């Protein structure tokens, strides 16, 4: 029997969103009340003596601010099969794994139906606003999405990466159908056992349906850029597959071969057209509109650590707009992008006040006592905050670790700009440099590569305390070979581009050593990704770690063993 297609009414979704955000303070109080009432029997909440109280003041007085470390013992007991209410009143059915790129190993995070509902609410909301500006009509999406394997925990719970848990949920496919964003690839490709084979087949499906593709997307901009870099190598083989109607023999996964066999037919005309399009491109500029003429936009998370990939993505996109996706994490969602016309660098996210209870700790540069957290509607425009999340899946006053800036208000709920991860600090002594500071320094230094006609493929950093004094190490992978003198200039530029007062004064008196730029072999960052995939990460969730500490020894070894040249700054 055919499943009835869910009707999507964008105007109604926007109307509901406007009503929610018009009275955010009331909605926040109701949301907290509902979360605490539903989970009143949970051992964690019982320990803090709320005794049935659900008002924000009692909650903030009784329940402490925590990190994952404090909740981990409860989550592990859930994963081990304890059935008593631990963090939530109802049993947690599924465990999500974070990407593991920040701390070196994936974290276990509770995942339940309520979290899935909020995911779909975010998807529908942003699509309603997006479709108003960039309407798509019954087309297909070329989605570079991948599902890693789910496994059972000791207690028999299903566990997988957050993206895997979403993609495998029946609600996901229904919602994608309703918002006309169905993937052009069959499920067997998305859930294929080998990422490289799945990526190749995603492209094959996209090219077969090239005239029907209306949007291109992935979870992160990194994944889209990585995919098109791969196409630069694979395009002739893809043309051969299309011309002959025969899949390459190295695609060995039986389920993938069977599914692709149903789509692939000899099509010499299409193969010739794709060959002609690819051959005529200048350095792959405008690849997207050349191969997919009806694409309206490219969609994915493009803020924060994804910003360095925008230059290359724009190169591939030509005139096709880049639209940044919504703001969330493995722990849950925060806000939706309801201003899709803004370029990714300026994008803001409107907090949905009914998907969780949110608090904001003002960022105190004096590093003294931490300021009192503010409510969602108490924040000030222009100020920066660290976010605390309370959600329906058992996280209470949880430090997400993100720093955001309030750029304005949509009705009575704030519009947030993601600034950086708070815990990613390059520091030797009194210096404090964040992920954003690193990114700005790298962007400035990478401008010197333009004359060499080279791209910076990827980068990360490390603090080397084995030398005296300690110093910053920046790892770069380039698209080709640069002259020694240019890389020496890049190294000096990196050093001078860290404008933190503590760093500059320390460099001047040599209590921080000369910055070191290490150039790594081509393919090194692919090895990093392979390492994380082997640990159970999904490609859809992978983010290059921008800082690698000593605790992340395996990643540090990969980087150090692939260094081909090293340069020390002479800037100070």
Protein backbone atom coordinates (compact mmCIF):
# COMPACT_ATOMS: atom_id res chain seq x y z
CA UNK A 1 0.00 0.00 0.00
CA UNK A 2 1.37 3.43 -0.91
CA UNK A 3 2.22 5.63 2.06
CA UNK A 4 0.20 8.85 2.02
CA UNK A 5 2.47 11.78 1.26
CA UNK A 6 2.65 14.35 4.04
CA UNK A 7 1.40 17.75 2.90
CA UNK A 8 3.78 20.65 3.48
CA UNK A 9 2.34 24.11 4.01
CA UNK A 10 5.17 26.62 4.20
CA UNK A 11 2.92 29.56 5.07
CA UNK A 12 1.47 27.66 8.03
CA UNK A 13 4.96 26.68 9.28
CA UNK A 14 6.06 30.35 9.11
CA UNK A 15 2.87 31.44 10.88
CA UNK A 16 3.53 28.96 13.73
CA UNK A 17 7.16 30.11 13.94
CA UNK A 18 6.13 33.77 14.17
CA UNK A 19 3.67 32.95 16.98
CA UNK A 20 6.33 30.99 18.92
CA UNK A 21 8.93 33.73 18.63
CA UNK A 22 6.49 36.53 19.44
CA UNK A 23 6.18 35.39 23.06
CA UNK A 24 9.49 33.63 23.63
CA UNK A 25 9.63 34.24 27.41
CA UNK A 26 6.29 32.51 28.02
CA UNK A 27 7.18 29.66 25.63
CA UNK A 28 10.52 29.17 27.43
CA UNK A 29 8.81 28.91 30.83
CA UNK A 30 6.27 26.44 29.45
CA UNK A 31 9.01 24.40 27.79
CA UNK A 32 11.04 24.16 31.01
CA UNK A 33 7.89 23.24 32.96
CA UNK A 34 7.08 20.46 30.48
CA UNK A 35 10.65 19.09 30.52
CA UNK A 36 10.77 19.02 34.32
CA UNK A 37 7.28 17.52 34.71
CA UNK A 38 7.95 14.76 32.16
CA UNK A 39 11.26 13.89 33.82
CA UNK A 40 10.39 14.49 37.47
CA UNK A 41 11.05 10.82 38.33
CA UNK A 42 14.61 10.89 36.87
CA UNK A 43 17.31 10.09 39.42
CA UNK A 44 19.45 13.02 38.28
CA UNK A 45 16.71 15.61 38.97
CA UNK A 46 15.68 13.87 42.21
CA UNK A 47 19.26 14.30 43.46
CA UNK A 48 19.01 18.07 43.22
CA UNK A 49 15.85 18.42 45.34
CA UNK A 50 13.52 20.28 42.99
CA UNK A 51 10.61 18.55 44.74
CA UNK A 52 8.17 19.17 41.90
CA UNK A 53 9.07 22.84 41.33
CA UNK A 54 9.27 23.80 37.65
CA UNK A 55 9.86 27.58 37.69
CA UNK A 56 13.13 28.93 36.20
CA UNK A 57 14.31 30.48 39.50
CA UNK A 58 14.05 27.21 41.49
CA UNK A 59 15.60 25.29 38.60
CA UNK A 60 18.64 27.58 38.40
CA UNK A 61 19.04 27.57 42.19
CA UNK A 62 18.87 23.77 42.59
CA UNK A 63 20.40 22.32 39.42
CA UNK A 64 24.10 22.99 38.70
CA UNK A 65 25.74 23.97 35.41
CA UNK A 66 27.47 20.87 34.00
CA UNK A 67 29.64 19.56 31.19
CA UNK A 68 29.43 16.13 29.56
CA UNK A 69 31.86 14.82 32.19
CA UNK A 70 29.28 15.21 35.00
CA UNK A 71 26.47 13.54 33.02
CA UNK A 72 28.60 10.76 31.53
CA UNK A 73 28.19 8.31 34.48
CA UNK A 74 24.38 8.48 34.07
CA UNK A 75 24.61 8.09 30.27
CA UNK A 76 26.91 5.06 30.61
CA UNK A 77 24.48 3.43 33.07
CA UNK A 78 21.69 3.96 30.53
CA UNK A 79 23.89 2.48 27.78
CA UNK A 80 24.65 -0.50 30.04
CA UNK A 81 20.96 -1.29 30.31
CA UNK A 82 19.81 0.13 33.67
CA UNK A 83 16.06 0.58 33.31
CA UNK A 84 15.34 2.90 36.25
CA UNK A 85 14.77 6.53 35.20
CA UNK A 86 18.24 8.11 35.11
CA UNK A 87 18.04 11.36 33.16
CA UNK A 88 14.51 11.13 31.73
CA UNK A 89 11.19 9.75 32.89
CA UNK A 90 10.76 7.59 29.80
CA UNK A 91 13.54 5.17 28.74
CA UNK A 92 16.15 6.52 26.31
CA UNK A 93 15.90 4.28 23.19
CA UNK A 94 19.03 5.39 21.33
CA UNK A 95 22.51 6.75 21.96
CA UNK A 96 24.13 9.31 19.64
CA UNK A 97 27.88 9.58 19.19
CA UNK A 98 29.46 12.98 18.73
CA UNK A 99 32.03 13.36 15.94
CA UNK A 100 34.95 13.06 18.37
CA UNK A 101 36.97 15.63 16.44
CA UNK A 102 37.12 18.07 19.36
CA UNK A 103 38.24 15.84 22.22
CA UNK A 104 39.74 12.95 20.30
CA UNK A 105 37.04 10.38 21.10
CA UNK A 106 33.28 10.35 20.48
CA UNK A 107 30.96 11.20 23.37
CA UNK A 108 27.76 9.28 24.16
CA UNK A 109 24.69 11.55 24.07
CA UNK A 110 21.04 10.52 24.72
CA UNK A 111 18.76 10.56 21.67
CA UNK A 112 14.95 10.12 21.78
CA UNK A 113 11.74 10.81 19.83
CA UNK A 114 11.47 14.33 21.22
CA UNK A 115 14.93 15.19 19.86
CA UNK A 116 13.90 13.77 16.48
CA UNK A 117 10.75 15.92 16.56
CA UNK A 118 12.80 19.07 17.17
CA UNK A 119 15.17 18.10 14.33
CA UNK A 120 12.23 17.85 11.92
CA UNK A 121 10.79 21.14 13.25
CA UNK A 122 14.09 22.89 12.47
CA UNK A 123 14.23 21.31 8.98
CA UNK A 124 10.64 22.34 8.17
CA UNK A 125 11.09 25.88 9.53
CA UNK A 126 14.25 26.72 7.61
CA UNK A 127 12.87 25.07 4.45
CA UNK A 128 9.72 27.21 4.64
CA UNK A 129 11.79 30.40 4.64
CA UNK A 130 14.28 29.04 2.10
CA UNK A 131 11.58 27.91 -0.30
CA UNK A 132 9.96 31.32 -0.19
CA UNK A 133 13.18 32.86 -1.60
CA UNK A 134 14.46 29.91 -3.69
CA UNK A 135 11.42 27.79 -4.62
CA UNK A 136 12.01 24.19 -5.70
CA UNK A 137 9.33 22.12 -7.40
CA UNK A 138 9.24 18.32 -7.31
CA UNK A 139 12.91 17.96 -8.08
CA UNK A 140 15.64 15.82 -6.60
CA UNK A 141 18.55 16.67 -4.30
CA UNK A 142 22.16 15.58 -4.78
CA UNK A 143 22.92 14.96 -1.12
CA UNK A 144 26.36 13.85 0.01
CA UNK A 145 25.04 12.05 3.05
CA UNK A 146 26.39 8.88 4.58
CA UNK A 147 25.30 6.67 7.41
CA UNK A 148 27.81 4.85 9.55
CA UNK A 149 26.81 1.53 11.10
CA UNK A 150 24.62 1.47 14.18
CA UNK A 151 25.63 -0.95 16.92
CA UNK A 152 24.18 -2.21 20.17
CA UNK A 153 25.51 -0.98 23.52
CA UNK A 154 26.15 -3.41 26.40
CA UNK A 155 22.58 -2.83 27.51
CA UNK A 156 21.10 -3.47 24.05
CA UNK A 157 20.43 0.17 23.04
CA UNK A 158 20.97 1.19 19.42
CA UNK A 159 23.92 3.56 19.08
CA UNK A 160 25.25 5.50 16.12
CA UNK A 161 26.42 8.95 15.09
CA UNK A 162 23.81 11.70 15.46
CA UNK A 163 23.43 12.00 11.68
CA UNK A 164 23.04 8.21 11.34
CA UNK A 165 20.26 8.18 13.96
CA UNK A 166 18.47 10.93 12.02
CA UNK A 167 18.92 9.40 8.54
CA UNK A 168 17.71 5.97 9.72
CA UNK A 169 14.58 7.37 11.36
CA UNK A 170 11.35 6.92 9.37
CA UNK A 171 10.37 10.54 10.13
CA UNK A 172 13.41 11.78 8.19
CA UNK A 173 12.35 10.31 4.86
CA UNK A 174 8.74 11.46 5.30
CA UNK A 175 9.86 15.01 6.04
CA UNK A 176 12.33 15.06 3.13
CA UNK A 177 9.52 13.92 0.80
CA UNK A 178 7.21 16.59 2.15
CA UNK A 179 9.75 19.37 1.67
CA UNK A 180 10.68 18.10 -1.82
CA UNK A 181 14.28 17.40 -0.80
CA UNK A 182 14.50 13.70 -1.58
CA UNK A 183 17.97 12.36 -2.21
CA UNK A 184 18.57 11.24 -5.80
CA UNK A 185 20.57 8.25 -4.52
CA UNK A 186 18.92 5.03 -3.31
CA UNK A 187 19.11 4.09 0.39
CA UNK A 188 21.68 1.41 -0.40
CA UNK A 189 24.16 4.15 -1.40
CA UNK A 190 23.47 6.30 1.68
CA UNK A 191 23.80 3.29 3.98
CA UNK A 192 26.62 1.67 2.01
CA UNK A 193 29.49 0.10 3.97
CA UNK A 194 32.27 2.03 2.20
CA UNK A 195 32.36 5.83 2.07
CA UNK A 196 34.45 6.03 -1.12
CA UNK A 197 32.07 3.72 -3.00
CA UNK A 198 29.04 5.68 -1.74
CA UNK A 199 30.54 9.04 -2.76
CA UNK A 200 31.25 7.76 -6.29
CA UNK A 201 27.68 6.43 -6.61
CA UNK A 202 26.17 9.68 -5.26
CA UNK A 203 27.83 11.44 -8.20
CA UNK A 204 26.74 8.76 -10.65
CA UNK A 205 23.11 9.17 -9.50
CA UNK A 206 23.40 12.96 -9.63
CA UNK A 207 24.69 12.86 -13.20
CA UNK A 208 22.02 10.37 -14.32
CA UNK A 209 19.35 12.74 -12.93
CA UNK A 210 21.31 15.93 -13.73
CA UNK A 211 18.34 17.84 -15.20
CA UNK A 212 16.16 17.06 -12.15
CA UNK A 213 18.71 18.09 -9.49
CA UNK A 214 17.46 21.29 -7.83
CA UNK A 215 19.77 21.50 -4.83
CA UNK A 216 23.10 20.11 -3.65
CA UNK A 217 23.65 19.56 0.05
CA UNK A 218 25.60 17.86 2.80
CA UNK A 219 25.78 18.33 6.55
CA UNK A 220 28.99 20.40 6.30
CA UNK A 221 30.63 22.54 3.61
CA UNK A 222 33.79 20.45 4.06
CA UNK A 223 31.98 17.36 2.76
CA UNK A 224 30.75 19.19 -0.38
CA UNK A 225 34.22 20.55 -1.18
CA UNK A 226 35.78 17.14 -0.56
CA UNK A 227 33.22 15.58 -2.91
CA UNK A 228 33.96 17.98 -5.77
CA UNK A 229 37.73 17.58 -5.28
CA UNK A 230 37.09 13.84 -5.76
CA UNK A 231 35.05 14.51 -8.91
CA UNK A 232 38.10 16.25 -10.40
CA UNK A 233 39.81 12.83 -10.25
CA UNK A 234 36.82 10.61 -11.13
CA UNK A 235 34.95 12.43 -13.91
CA UNK A 236 36.34 10.41 -16.84
CA UNK A 237 35.60 7.10 -15.13
CA UNK A 238 32.05 8.31 -14.35
CA UNK A 239 31.60 9.16 -18.05
CA UNK A 240 32.73 5.65 -19.01
CA UNK A 241 30.21 4.09 -16.57
CA UNK A 242 27.40 6.20 -18.05
CA UNK A 243 28.45 5.52 -21.64
CA UNK A 244 28.61 1.73 -21.17
CA UNK A 245 25.88 1.39 -18.55
CA UNK A 246 28.33 -0.66 -16.45
CA UNK A 247 29.41 0.17 -12.89
CA UNK A 248 33.17 0.19 -12.12
CA UNK A 249 34.38 -3.15 -10.79
CA UNK A 250 35.92 -1.58 -7.66
CA UNK A 251 32.39 -0.84 -6.40
CA UNK A 252 32.16 -4.17 -4.62
CA UNK A 253 29.37 -3.73 -2.02
CA UNK A 254 26.62 -6.14 -3.27
CA UNK A 255 23.70 -3.98 -2.08
CA UNK A 256 25.17 -0.90 -3.77
CA UNK A 257 25.85 -2.76 -7.05
CA UNK A 258 22.31 -4.13 -7.12
CA UNK A 259 20.72 -0.72 -6.47
CA UNK A 260 22.90 1.06 -9.03
CA UNK A 261 22.23 -1.70 -11.58
CA UNK A 262 18.56 -0.65 -11.55
CA UNK A 263 19.49 2.95 -12.47
CA UNK A 264 22.41 2.56 -14.84
CA UNK A 265 21.67 2.13 -18.57
CA UNK A 266 24.02 2.79 -21.53
CA UNK A 267 23.70 6.50 -22.36
CA UNK A 268 26.45 7.67 -24.78
CA UNK A 269 24.74 11.04 -25.35
CA UNK A 270 24.77 11.92 -21.64
CA UNK A 271 28.36 10.68 -21.28
CA UNK A 272 29.50 12.85 -24.21
CA UNK A 273 27.68 15.88 -22.79
CA UNK A 274 29.30 15.48 -19.34
CA UNK A 275 32.71 14.88 -20.96
CA UNK A 276 32.35 18.05 -23.04
CA UNK A 277 31.21 20.11 -19.99
CA UNK A 278 34.10 18.94 -17.79
CA UNK A 279 36.70 19.35 -20.54
CA UNK A 280 35.67 22.93 -21.23
CA UNK A 281 35.90 24.16 -17.62
CA UNK A 282 38.78 26.43 -16.65
CA UNK A 283 40.33 25.07 -13.41
CA UNK A 284 36.88 23.65 -12.52
CA UNK A 285 35.35 27.09 -12.03
CA UNK A 286 31.53 26.89 -12.27
CA UNK A 287 31.51 23.10 -12.13
CA UNK A 288 28.12 23.00 -10.37
CA UNK A 289 26.01 24.96 -12.90
CA UNK A 290 27.83 23.28 -15.80
CA UNK A 291 26.90 19.77 -14.65
CA UNK A 292 23.62 20.54 -12.86
CA UNK A 293 21.91 23.35 -14.82
CA UNK A 294 18.75 23.52 -12.69
CA UNK A 295 20.38 23.73 -9.24
CA UNK A 296 18.89 26.61 -7.24
CA UNK A 297 21.40 26.58 -4.34
CA UNK A 298 24.04 24.66 -2.39
CA UNK A 299 23.12 23.95 1.21
CA UNK A 300 25.07 22.88 4.30
CA UNK A 301 26.55 24.20 7.54
CA UNK A 302 29.00 26.88 6.37
CA UNK A 303 29.76 28.85 9.53
CA UNK A 304 32.45 28.48 12.22
CA UNK A 305 35.11 25.96 11.30
CA UNK A 306 33.48 25.56 7.85
CA UNK A 307 34.23 29.14 6.72
CA UNK A 308 37.73 28.29 5.39
CA UNK A 309 36.12 26.04 2.74
CA UNK A 310 33.86 28.78 1.33
CA UNK A 311 36.40 30.17 -1.14
CA UNK A 312 36.80 26.78 -2.84
CA UNK A 313 33.06 26.10 -2.66
CA UNK A 314 32.32 29.43 -4.38
CA UNK A 315 34.84 28.50 -7.07
CA UNK A 316 32.90 25.30 -7.82
CA UNK A 317 29.51 27.02 -7.44
CA UNK A 318 30.07 29.90 -9.84
CA UNK A 319 26.87 31.97 -9.66
CA UNK A 320 24.90 29.36 -7.66
CA UNK A 321 24.05 30.78 -4.18
CA UNK A 322 25.51 29.21 -1.02
CA UNK A 323 22.95 28.85 1.77
CA UNK A 324 24.04 28.02 5.29
CA UNK A 325 22.10 25.33 7.14
CA UNK A 326 20.84 25.49 10.72
CA UNK A 327 22.61 25.64 14.08
CA UNK A 328 22.85 22.48 16.14
CA UNK A 329 25.16 19.82 17.51
CA UNK A 330 25.12 16.15 18.47
CA UNK A 331 23.39 17.24 21.69
CA UNK A 332 20.48 18.87 19.87
CA UNK A 333 19.33 21.91 17.92
CA UNK A 334 19.46 25.61 18.79
CA UNK A 335 18.15 27.71 15.91
CA UNK A 336 17.11 27.97 12.29
CA UNK A 337 18.41 30.13 9.44
CA UNK A 338 15.33 32.16 8.48
CA UNK A 339 17.27 34.73 6.40
CA UNK A 340 18.57 32.46 3.63
CA UNK A 341 19.64 35.32 1.35
CA UNK A 342 22.41 36.36 3.74
CA UNK A 343 25.89 35.15 2.69
CA UNK A 344 27.25 32.42 5.00
CA UNK A 345 29.72 34.84 6.65
CA UNK A 346 26.80 36.99 7.87
CA UNK A 347 24.28 34.27 8.64
CA UNK A 348 22.37 34.30 11.93
CA UNK A 349 20.23 31.68 13.63
CA UNK A 350 16.90 32.37 15.31
CA UNK A 351 16.49 30.31 18.48
CA UNK A 352 13.32 28.19 18.50
CA UNK A 353 12.00 28.72 22.05
CA UNK A 354 10.03 25.45 22.27
CA UNK A 355 12.77 22.90 21.48
CA UNK A 356 14.65 23.36 24.75
CA UNK A 357 15.33 25.76 27.60
CA UNK A 358 18.29 28.05 26.90
CA UNK A 359 20.56 30.11 29.13
CA UNK A 360 23.45 32.37 28.19
CA UNK A 361 26.60 32.99 30.24
CA UNK A 362 28.09 36.42 29.43
CA UNK A 363 31.69 36.07 28.23
CA UNK A 364 33.87 37.72 30.86
CA UNK A 365 37.25 38.70 29.41
CA UNK A 366 38.62 39.36 32.88
CA UNK A 367 38.44 35.60 33.51
CA UNK A 368 37.32 36.26 37.08
CA UNK A 369 34.13 34.85 38.59
CA UNK A 370 31.68 33.64 35.97
CA UNK A 371 28.72 35.95 35.35
CA UNK A 372 25.15 34.89 36.16
CA UNK A 373 23.48 33.13 33.18
CA UNK A 374 20.72 35.10 31.46
CA UNK A 375 17.46 33.84 29.98
CA UNK A 376 16.71 33.71 26.26
CA UNK A 377 14.96 37.08 26.19
CA UNK A 378 17.40 38.82 28.58
CA UNK A 379 20.44 38.81 26.27
CA UNK A 380 21.79 42.06 24.81
CA UNK A 381 22.51 42.88 21.17
CA UNK A 382 26.25 42.99 20.44
CA UNK A 383 27.23 40.86 23.46
CA UNK A 384 28.88 37.41 23.37
CA UNK A 385 27.69 34.43 25.42
CA UNK A 386 28.32 30.77 26.09
CA UNK A 387 25.17 28.66 25.62
CA UNK A 388 23.62 26.33 28.22
CA UNK A 389 21.07 23.80 26.99
CA UNK A 390 18.28 21.97 28.79
CA UNK A 391 16.46 19.56 26.49
CA UNK A 392 13.90 16.75 26.36
CA UNK A 393 16.61 14.07 26.13
CA UNK A 394 18.09 14.47 29.61
CA UNK A 395 20.60 17.30 29.34
CA UNK A 396 20.20 19.88 32.12
CA UNK A 397 22.04 23.23 32.15
CA UNK A 398 24.56 21.61 29.83
CA UNK A 399 27.54 23.59 28.54
CA UNK A 400 27.48 23.21 24.78
CA UNK A 401 30.94 24.82 24.58
CA UNK A 402 29.89 27.32 21.87
CA UNK A 403 30.37 31.08 21.97
CA UNK A 404 27.71 33.09 20.13
CA UNK A 405 27.07 36.77 19.53
CA UNK A 406 23.59 38.31 19.65
CA UNK A 407 23.12 40.17 16.36
CA UNK A 408 19.49 41.17 16.81
CA UNK A 409 16.04 39.84 17.65
CA UNK A 410 13.37 38.13 15.57
CA UNK A 411 10.23 39.19 17.42
CA UNK A 412 11.28 38.44 21.02
CA UNK A 413 13.82 35.65 20.40
CA UNK A 414 17.49 36.39 19.67
CA UNK A 415 19.31 36.00 16.36
CA UNK A 416 22.68 34.38 17.10
CA UNK A 417 25.93 34.38 15.14
CA UNK A 418 28.23 31.46 15.87
CA UNK A 419 31.66 32.78 16.93
CA UNK A 420 33.77 29.80 18.01
CA UNK A 421 34.15 26.81 20.28
CA UNK A 422 35.07 28.14 23.71
CA UNK A 423 37.45 25.35 24.69
CA UNK A 424 39.67 25.50 21.60
CA UNK A 425 42.38 27.79 22.92
CA UNK A 426 45.92 28.09 21.68
CA UNK A 427 47.80 29.07 24.82
CA UNK A 428 51.36 28.80 26.11
CA UNK A 429 51.16 31.20 29.08
CA UNK A 430 49.16 34.46 29.20
CA UNK A 431 48.12 34.24 25.53
CA UNK A 432 44.55 33.26 24.61
CA UNK A 433 43.73 32.54 20.97
CA UNK A 434 40.45 30.94 19.92
CA UNK A 435 39.50 28.93 16.86
CA UNK A 436 38.30 32.18 15.28
CA UNK A 437 41.68 33.88 15.93
CA UNK A 438 43.44 30.93 14.29
CA UNK A 439 41.07 31.05 11.32
CA UNK A 440 41.66 34.79 10.77
CA UNK A 441 45.45 34.33 10.94
CA UNK A 442 45.33 31.45 8.45
CA UNK A 443 43.09 33.41 6.06
CA UNK A 444 45.49 36.36 6.12
CA UNK A 445 48.58 34.21 5.50
CA UNK A 446 46.87 32.12 2.79
CA UNK A 447 46.39 35.28 0.69
CA UNK A 448 50.13 35.04 -0.09
CA UNK A 449 49.45 31.75 -1.91
CA UNK A 450 47.32 33.47 -4.56
CA UNK A 451 50.36 34.49 -6.61
CA UNK A 452 51.48 30.84 -6.64
CA UNK A 453 48.03 29.76 -7.92
CA UNK A 454 47.73 27.38 -4.97
CA UNK A 455 44.90 26.51 -2.60
CA UNK A 456 45.15 25.80 1.09
CA UNK A 457 43.45 22.39 1.25
CA UNK A 458 43.15 22.25 5.05
CA UNK A 459 44.86 23.22 8.31
CA UNK A 460 45.08 22.53 12.03
CA UNK A 461 47.23 23.61 14.98
CA UNK A 462 49.15 22.36 18.01
CA UNK A 463 51.02 23.88 20.94
CA UNK A 464 54.49 22.33 21.23
CA UNK A 465 55.62 22.50 24.86
CA UNK A 466 58.56 20.14 24.30
CA UNK A 467 60.63 23.19 23.35
CA UNK A 468 61.62 25.95 25.77
CA UNK A 469 59.81 28.26 25.44
CA UNK A 470 56.71 26.57 24.00
CA UNK A 471 55.47 27.66 20.60
CA UNK A 472 52.53 27.44 18.19
CA UNK A 473 52.66 24.89 15.36
CA UNK A 474 50.40 25.33 12.32
CA UNK A 475 49.98 22.39 9.91
CA UNK A 476 49.09 23.20 6.28
CA UNK A 477 48.23 20.98 3.35
CA UNK A 478 48.55 22.69 -0.04
CA UNK A 479 47.16 21.80 -3.48
CA UNK A 480 50.68 21.91 -4.97
CA UNK A 481 54.26 22.99 -4.28
CA UNK A 482 55.08 26.54 -3.24
CA UNK A 483 58.43 28.30 -3.31
CA UNK A 484 60.42 28.26 -0.04
CA UNK A 485 60.51 32.06 0.25
CA UNK A 486 56.71 32.29 -0.12
CA UNK A 487 56.16 29.75 2.66
CA UNK A 488 58.64 31.65 4.85
CA UNK A 489 56.55 34.79 4.28
CA UNK A 490 53.38 32.82 5.10
CA UNK A 491 54.98 31.70 8.37
CA UNK A 492 55.86 35.27 9.37
CA UNK A 493 52.38 36.46 8.38
CA UNK A 494 50.76 33.78 10.54
CA UNK A 495 52.86 34.86 13.53
CA UNK A 496 52.02 38.54 13.07
CA UNK A 497 48.30 37.86 12.50
CA UNK A 498 47.68 36.68 16.07
CA UNK A 499 46.69 40.03 17.58
CA UNK A 500 46.00 38.87 21.15
CA UNK A 501 47.91 41.26 23.46
CA UNK A 502 49.20 38.40 25.62
CA UNK A 503 50.62 36.65 22.56
CA UNK A 504 52.32 39.75 21.12
CA UNK A 505 53.95 40.76 24.42
CA UNK A 506 55.10 37.17 25.06
CA UNK A 507 56.62 36.87 21.59
CA UNK A 508 58.48 40.16 22.03
CA UNK A 509 60.20 38.96 25.22
CA UNK A 510 60.55 35.37 23.92
CA UNK A 511 58.38 33.70 26.56
CA UNK A 512 56.59 32.18 23.55
CA UNK A 513 58.91 30.78 20.85
CA UNK A 514 58.80 31.46 17.12
CA UNK A 515 55.69 30.14 15.38
CA UNK A 516 56.35 27.04 13.27
CA UNK A 517 54.61 26.32 9.95
CA UNK A 518 54.74 22.64 8.98
CA UNK A 519 53.76 21.66 5.44
CA UNK A 520 52.29 18.14 5.18
CA UNK A 521 52.01 15.77 2.20
CA UNK A 522 48.98 15.87 -0.08
CA UNK A 523 46.36 13.50 1.29
CA UNK A 524 47.34 13.95 4.97
CA UNK A 525 43.99 15.43 5.96
CA UNK A 526 42.27 12.59 4.11
CA UNK A 527 44.24 10.25 6.42
CA UNK A 528 42.92 12.23 9.40
CA UNK A 529 39.36 11.75 8.18
CA UNK A 530 39.98 8.03 7.59
CA UNK A 531 41.26 7.78 11.18
CA UNK A 532 38.06 9.28 12.57
CA UNK A 533 35.89 7.12 10.29
CA UNK A 534 37.69 4.04 11.64
CA UNK A 535 36.71 5.17 15.15
CA UNK A 536 33.04 5.14 14.09
CA UNK A 537 32.51 8.74 12.95
CA UNK A 538 30.25 9.37 9.96
CA UNK A 539 31.53 11.41 7.01
CA UNK A 540 28.39 13.53 7.33
CA UNK A 541 29.53 14.57 10.80
CA UNK A 542 33.26 14.95 10.21
CA UNK A 543 34.93 18.28 10.99
CA UNK A 544 38.70 18.74 10.77
CA UNK A 545 39.91 19.42 14.34
CA UNK A 546 41.36 22.92 14.38
CA UNK A 547 43.49 22.16 17.43
CA UNK A 548 45.23 18.88 18.22
CA UNK A 549 46.36 18.41 21.82
CA UNK A 550 48.71 15.83 23.32
CA UNK A 551 45.72 13.73 24.38
CA UNK A 552 44.92 13.28 20.69
CA UNK A 553 48.20 11.43 20.13
CA UNK A 554 47.11 9.28 17.15
CA UNK A 555 46.11 12.36 15.13
CA UNK A 556 49.30 14.18 16.11
CA UNK A 557 51.34 11.19 14.91
CA UNK A 558 49.58 11.18 11.52
CA UNK A 559 50.34 14.89 11.10
CA UNK A 560 53.97 14.74 12.28
CA UNK A 561 54.83 11.67 10.21
CA UNK A 562 53.65 13.44 7.03
CA UNK A 563 55.58 16.71 7.43
CA UNK A 564 57.66 17.49 4.33
CA UNK A 565 58.92 20.99 5.25
CA UNK A 566 59.08 23.17 8.33
CA UNK A 567 59.51 26.95 8.68
CA UNK A 568 60.09 29.12 11.77
CA UNK A 569 58.91 32.71 11.97
CA UNK A 570 61.43 35.56 12.02
CA UNK A 571 58.71 38.16 12.60
CA UNK A 572 59.77 39.06 16.14
